[in-house]
Amino acid sequence: MALKVMTLNLLYAGAVNPAGTWPMRLPLVLDVLRESGAELIAVQEATAPQLRDLEHALPEFTFITGPESGETRLPRVLHRATRLLHRARARRAGHDHTATVHLHIPRGEHCTILFRTDSFELLESSAFWVSHKPDSEGSVLPGSWLPRVVNWARLQKRTTGQVVTVFNAHLDFLPWAPLRSARILRRMLDTHWDSTLQVLLGDFNAQPRSKAYAHLGAELAQTPHPPLRDAWEEALERSGPEGTYHGGTGRVRWMGRLDRILFRPSLTVSRVTTLTHQSEGKFPSDHYPVLAEFVEVGDD
């Protein structure tokens, strides 16, 4: 199965960021999505207004919006401090903070999956939470910033009948969260394993050599299922910077490659590209999109 997939942390609509406001960034997002040729796209941090804009502009795609992740479980005093920080940033950026601050902390995010309607048929879709109760809506991993939802869809290629299951994740960034989240992710992907292609896309908020990636890519004694491979590491050709988080400035920042495309079983990855599209200093997001092109083993 020849396949192009993309992941993009969209940066929520009300964010005050050097990348630009959502109305500024929307045309750039549309340029990237259209020009990439991607058939499957995973976007994280999406809010309802952003999804409405994208759906209106991209009628060739079917949107699996997925549930909203849920509201932060931060103690009220920290929640208030976060709002004050956003308000200060809004003032520095010249925005009317009284009108915009309520947009800065959404009630949650959608990890939405887009697929080209002429390429795929939807067989099944659902979601789970990265917590000790994955089927409990809005549940949170103790010690995490907020609930984290994984949206997934099982799709069938219209031309060949081949099946791919796509998972879209946005993991918590607190330093103790990625490995704990990876253990839950691996267990849930194993639950859905049927020997057909699985692709896990998202913002993993983990250091490049972290134990989280090691767990996802390890042969585990407790499961007979194969490990996940990293498309960037496996690619025959790589282009663009290795780091994907740039804070809206175009300058790659620590912690490097947060946005990844993992997959199993083994496929040939012909190319992975970190897309650096921008216009007059504005970017689609504060993360670079990542595009992977797969070719089935044995294909020319």
Protein backbone atom coordinates (compact mmCIF):
# COMPACT_ATOMS: atom_id res chain seq x y z
CA MET A 1 0.00 0.00 0.00
CA ALA A 2 1.52 3.32 -1.07
CA LEU A 3 0.41 5.80 1.56
CA LYS A 4 1.08 9.42 2.58
CA VAL A 5 0.30 10.42 6.17
CA MET A 6 0.81 13.65 8.08
CA THR A 7 0.75 14.77 11.69
CA LEU A 8 0.33 18.40 12.80
CA ASN A 9 -0.13 19.95 16.22
CA LEU A 10 -2.55 22.67 15.11
CA LEU A 11 -2.04 25.09 18.06
CA TYR A 12 -5.44 25.94 19.49
CA ALA A 13 -7.39 28.88 18.14
CA GLY A 14 -7.00 31.37 20.99
CA ALA A 15 -3.27 30.96 21.55
CA VAL A 16 -1.14 34.10 21.66
CA ASN A 17 1.93 32.94 19.78
CA PRO A 18 4.56 34.34 17.38
CA ALA A 19 3.22 31.95 14.73
CA GLY A 20 0.21 34.26 14.43
CA THR A 21 -3.47 34.27 15.26
CA TRP A 22 -5.72 31.55 13.90
CA PRO A 23 -7.10 33.76 11.05
CA MET A 24 -3.50 34.45 10.03
CA ARG A 25 -2.48 30.80 10.27
CA LEU A 26 -5.52 29.22 8.60
CA PRO A 27 -4.40 29.90 4.98
CA LEU A 28 -0.96 28.47 5.81
CA VAL A 29 -2.49 25.34 7.33
CA LEU A 30 -4.63 24.86 4.23
CA ASP A 31 -1.58 25.31 1.98
CA VAL A 32 0.32 22.60 3.87
CA LEU A 33 -2.57 20.14 3.94
CA ARG A 34 -3.39 20.56 0.25
CA GLU A 35 0.14 20.69 -1.14
CA SER A 36 1.45 17.73 0.86
CA GLY A 37 -0.70 15.22 -0.97
CA ALA A 38 -1.41 13.47 2.34
CA GLU A 39 -4.32 11.01 2.30
CA LEU A 40 -4.45 10.62 6.09
CA ILE A 41 -3.90 13.55 8.43
CA ALA A 42 -3.86 13.69 12.22
CA VAL A 43 -4.24 17.08 13.92
CA GLN A 44 -3.85 17.65 17.63
CA GLU A 45 -4.93 20.56 19.82
CA ALA A 46 -7.85 21.29 17.50
CA THR A 47 -10.80 23.33 18.77
CA ALA A 48 -14.31 23.38 17.35
CA PRO A 49 -13.94 26.74 15.50
CA GLN A 50 -10.76 25.51 13.80
CA LEU A 51 -12.40 22.27 12.72
CA ARG A 52 -15.37 24.16 11.28
CA ASP A 53 -13.00 26.32 9.22
CA LEU A 54 -11.04 23.33 7.97
CA GLU A 55 -14.08 21.24 7.15
CA HIS A 56 -15.59 24.10 5.17
CA ALA A 57 -12.38 24.55 3.16
CA LEU A 58 -11.54 20.86 2.62
CA PRO A 59 -14.65 19.11 1.26
CA GLU A 60 -12.49 16.34 -0.23
CA PHE A 61 -11.73 15.08 3.28
CA THR A 62 -13.90 13.23 5.77
CA PHE A 63 -13.37 14.44 9.34
CA ILE A 64 -13.45 12.06 12.30
CA THR A 65 -13.63 14.78 14.92
CA GLY A 66 -13.51 12.54 17.96
CA PRO A 67 -14.55 13.54 21.47
CA GLU A 68 -13.16 16.52 23.33
CA SER A 69 -10.42 15.43 25.71
CA GLY A 70 -11.84 17.20 28.76
CA GLU A 71 -11.06 20.09 31.08
CA THR A 72 -7.84 20.46 33.04
CA ARG A 73 -7.63 18.94 36.52
CA LEU A 74 -5.20 21.60 37.72
CA PRO A 75 -5.82 23.02 41.19
CA ARG A 76 -7.87 26.17 40.87
CA VAL A 77 -5.02 28.44 41.98
CA LEU A 78 -2.73 27.11 39.21
CA HIS A 79 -5.56 27.39 36.67
CA ARG A 80 -5.99 31.06 37.63
CA ALA A 81 -2.22 31.67 37.41
CA THR A 82 -2.22 30.18 33.91
CA ARG A 83 -5.00 32.54 32.86
CA LEU A 84 -3.05 35.52 34.24
CA LEU A 85 0.01 34.44 32.27
CA HIS A 86 -2.00 34.26 29.05
CA ARG A 87 -3.50 37.66 29.80
CA ALA A 88 -0.03 39.18 30.19
CA ARG A 89 1.07 37.60 26.91
CA ALA A 90 -2.02 38.99 25.19
CA ARG A 91 -1.24 42.50 26.44
CA ARG A 92 2.35 42.26 25.19
CA ALA A 93 1.04 41.11 21.81
CA GLY A 94 -1.30 44.10 21.63
CA HIS A 95 -4.54 42.10 21.95
CA ASP A 96 -7.62 43.05 23.92
CA HIS A 97 -7.04 40.62 26.77
CA THR A 98 -10.56 41.00 28.18
CA ALA A 99 -11.95 39.67 24.90
CA THR A 100 -9.41 36.96 24.21
CA VAL A 101 -8.32 35.43 27.50
CA HIS A 102 -11.30 33.06 27.61
CA LEU A 103 -10.11 31.49 24.37
CA HIS A 104 -6.66 30.72 25.71
CA ILE A 105 -7.58 27.77 27.90
CA PRO A 106 -10.08 25.59 26.01
CA ARG A 107 -12.09 22.94 27.80
CA GLY A 108 -10.09 20.35 25.96
CA GLU A 109 -8.84 19.41 22.51
CA HIS A 110 -9.89 17.23 19.62
CA CYS A 111 -7.34 14.82 18.16
CA THR A 112 -9.06 14.75 14.81
CA ILE A 113 -8.36 12.39 11.90
CA LEU A 114 -8.90 13.48 8.30
CA PHE A 115 -8.92 11.11 5.37
CA ARG A 116 -9.52 11.60 1.68
CA THR A 117 -13.03 10.34 0.97
CA ASP A 118 -12.08 9.10 -2.49
CA SER A 119 -9.17 7.05 -1.07
CA PHE A 120 -10.69 5.35 1.97
CA GLU A 121 -13.87 3.92 3.38
CA LEU A 122 -14.46 4.20 7.13
CA LEU A 123 -14.98 0.80 8.76
CA GLU A 124 -14.94 1.77 12.44
CA SER A 125 -13.88 4.60 14.76
CA SER A 126 -13.75 5.32 18.46
CA ALA A 127 -11.55 6.88 21.14
CA PHE A 128 -9.93 6.14 24.49
CA TRP A 129 -8.26 8.20 27.20
CA VAL A 130 -4.64 7.90 28.28
CA SER A 131 -5.45 6.91 31.84
CA HIS A 132 -5.89 3.87 34.05
CA LYS A 133 -9.54 3.84 32.88
CA PRO A 134 -9.16 4.36 29.11
CA ASP A 135 -12.86 3.83 28.37
CA SER A 136 -13.94 6.43 30.94
CA GLU A 137 -14.65 9.72 29.18
CA GLY A 138 -12.52 12.60 30.45
CA SER A 139 -10.42 10.36 32.71
CA VAL A 140 -6.93 11.58 33.48
CA LEU A 141 -3.61 9.96 34.27
CA PRO A 142 -2.72 11.02 37.85
CA GLY A 143 -0.19 13.83 37.83
CA SER A 144 -1.00 14.90 34.27
CA TRP A 145 -1.85 18.43 33.17
CA LEU A 146 -5.22 17.49 31.67
CA PRO A 147 -7.09 14.53 30.16
CA ARG A 148 -5.50 13.15 27.01
CA VAL A 149 -7.66 11.49 24.38
CA VAL A 150 -6.57 9.16 21.57
CA ASN A 151 -8.89 9.16 18.56
CA TRP A 152 -8.68 6.20 16.18
CA ALA A 153 -10.20 5.00 12.92
CA ARG A 154 -10.07 1.75 10.96
CA LEU A 155 -10.06 2.48 7.23
CA GLN A 156 -10.08 0.44 4.04
CA LYS A 157 -8.30 1.52 0.88
CA ARG A 158 -10.91 1.74 -1.87
CA THR A 159 -8.60 0.62 -4.67
CA THR A 160 -6.95 -2.39 -2.98
CA GLY A 161 -9.13 -3.36 -0.02
CA GLN A 162 -6.15 -3.05 2.32
CA VAL A 163 -6.88 -1.95 5.89
CA VAL A 164 -5.08 0.60 8.05
CA THR A 165 -5.92 1.63 11.62
CA VAL A 166 -4.86 5.19 12.46
CA PHE A 167 -4.36 6.43 16.03
CA ASN A 168 -3.98 10.13 16.85
CA ALA A 169 -2.39 11.00 20.22
CA HIS A 170 -1.24 14.07 22.13
CA LEU A 171 0.63 13.04 25.27
CA ASP A 172 1.17 15.10 28.39
CA PHE A 173 4.40 17.09 28.64
CA LEU A 174 5.12 16.74 32.37
CA PRO A 175 8.39 14.79 32.65
CA TRP A 176 6.96 11.70 34.35
CA ALA A 177 4.02 11.36 31.94
CA PRO A 178 5.43 10.12 28.59
CA LEU A 179 6.60 6.66 29.73
CA ARG A 180 3.41 6.01 31.72
CA SER A 181 1.39 7.17 28.72
CA ALA A 182 3.41 5.00 26.33
CA ARG A 183 2.64 1.91 28.39
CA ILE A 184 -1.09 2.60 28.10
CA LEU A 185 -0.78 3.37 24.38
CA ARG A 186 1.10 0.15 23.66
CA ARG A 187 -1.45 -1.91 25.56
CA MET A 188 -4.38 -0.31 23.74
CA LEU A 189 -2.76 -0.70 20.32
CA ASP A 190 -2.06 -4.35 21.13
CA THR A 191 -5.75 -4.75 21.96
CA HIS A 192 -6.63 -3.56 18.44
CA TRP A 193 -3.88 -5.51 16.68
CA ASP A 194 -5.10 -7.76 13.83
CA SER A 195 -1.87 -7.96 11.78
CA THR A 196 -2.95 -5.16 9.43
CA LEU A 197 -1.16 -1.83 9.29
CA GLN A 198 -1.32 0.37 12.39
CA VAL A 199 -0.10 3.99 12.26
CA LEU A 200 0.30 6.02 15.44
CA LEU A 201 0.67 9.76 14.82
CA GLY A 202 0.92 12.65 17.19
CA ASP A 203 2.71 15.01 19.51
CA PHE A 204 4.45 12.77 22.05
CA ASN A 205 6.07 15.52 24.16
CA ALA A 206 9.02 13.23 24.83
CA GLN A 207 12.77 13.56 24.37
CA PRO A 208 14.15 11.79 21.29
CA ARG A 209 15.88 9.03 23.32
CA SER A 210 13.21 8.77 25.98
CA LYS A 211 12.02 5.58 27.66
CA ALA A 212 8.58 6.25 26.14
CA TYR A 213 9.83 5.66 22.58
CA ALA A 214 11.96 2.76 23.79
CA HIS A 215 8.85 1.08 25.22
CA LEU A 216 6.79 1.60 22.08
CA GLY A 217 9.61 0.23 19.96
CA ALA A 218 10.59 -2.73 22.16
CA GLU A 219 9.99 -6.44 21.82
CA LEU A 220 7.92 -7.10 24.95
CA ALA A 221 7.82 -10.46 26.69
CA GLN A 222 4.18 -9.95 27.70
CA THR A 223 2.91 -9.54 24.12
CA PRO A 224 3.55 -11.45 20.90
CA HIS A 225 2.75 -8.39 18.80
CA PRO A 226 5.54 -6.58 16.93
CA PRO A 227 7.04 -3.30 18.15
CA LEU A 228 6.31 0.03 16.54
CA ARG A 229 8.87 1.59 14.24
CA ASP A 230 9.65 5.29 13.89
CA ALA A 231 9.16 6.52 10.33
CA TRP A 232 11.85 9.20 10.69
CA GLU A 233 14.42 6.63 11.80
CA GLU A 234 13.38 4.10 9.14
CA ALA A 235 13.12 6.48 6.17
CA LEU A 236 15.29 5.95 3.12
CA GLU A 237 15.33 9.72 2.69
CA ARG A 238 14.81 12.48 5.26
CA SER A 239 14.41 16.20 4.63
CA GLY A 240 13.82 19.20 6.84
CA PRO A 241 14.99 19.74 10.42
CA GLU A 242 14.95 16.85 12.86
CA GLY A 243 13.32 19.00 15.55
CA THR A 244 9.65 19.87 15.13
CA TYR A 245 8.81 22.31 17.95
CA HIS A 246 9.82 25.88 17.10
CA GLY A 247 7.56 27.98 19.34
CA GLY A 248 6.14 29.90 16.39
CA THR A 249 9.50 31.49 15.51
CA GLY A 250 10.90 28.97 13.02
CA ARG A 251 13.86 28.30 15.33
CA VAL A 252 13.80 24.69 16.52
CA ARG A 253 13.78 24.45 20.30
CA TRP A 254 14.36 21.80 22.92
CA MET A 255 13.21 18.97 23.15
CA GLY A 256 13.71 18.16 19.50
CA ARG A 257 11.39 15.86 17.53
CA LEU A 258 8.14 15.91 19.51
CA ASP A 259 5.96 15.04 16.52
CA ARG A 260 6.34 11.51 15.18
CA ILE A 261 4.81 8.87 12.97
CA LEU A 262 5.11 5.31 14.31
CA PHE A 263 3.89 2.19 12.57
CA ARG A 264 3.77 -1.61 12.42
CA PRO A 265 4.28 -4.13 10.82
CA SER A 266 7.39 -3.44 8.75
CA LEU A 267 6.96 -1.24 5.68
CA THR A 268 9.39 0.61 3.49
CA VAL A 269 9.35 4.32 4.35
CA SER A 270 10.53 6.08 1.22
CA ARG A 271 10.67 9.59 2.68
CA VAL A 272 9.88 11.62 5.78
CA THR A 273 9.72 15.40 5.49
CA THR A 274 9.55 18.04 8.19
CA LEU A 275 7.57 20.79 6.46
CA THR A 276 8.77 24.33 7.20
CA HIS A 277 6.19 26.29 5.21
CA GLN A 278 5.81 29.92 6.32
CA SER A 279 4.84 33.32 4.94
CA GLU A 280 6.22 36.67 6.10
CA GLY A 281 7.31 35.24 9.44
CA LYS A 282 4.00 33.51 10.18
CA PHE A 283 3.69 29.73 10.45
CA PRO A 284 0.82 27.24 10.37
CA SER A 285 1.57 26.38 14.01
CA ASP A 286 4.25 26.42 16.68
CA HIS A 287 5.13 22.85 15.56
CA TYR A 288 6.30 21.82 12.12
CA PRO A 289 4.09 19.26 10.34
CA VAL A 290 5.64 15.88 9.54
CA LEU A 291 4.84 13.95 6.35
CA ALA A 292 5.70 10.27 5.81
CA GLU A 293 5.47 8.35 2.54
CA PHE A 294 5.13 4.56 2.82
CA VAL A 295 5.67 1.88 0.21
CA GLU A 296 4.80 -1.72 1.00
CA VAL A 297 7.75 -4.09 1.16
CA GLY A 298 8.21 -5.66 -2.25
CA ASP A 299 6.64 -2.77 -4.20
CA ASP A 300 8.71 -0.82 -6.70
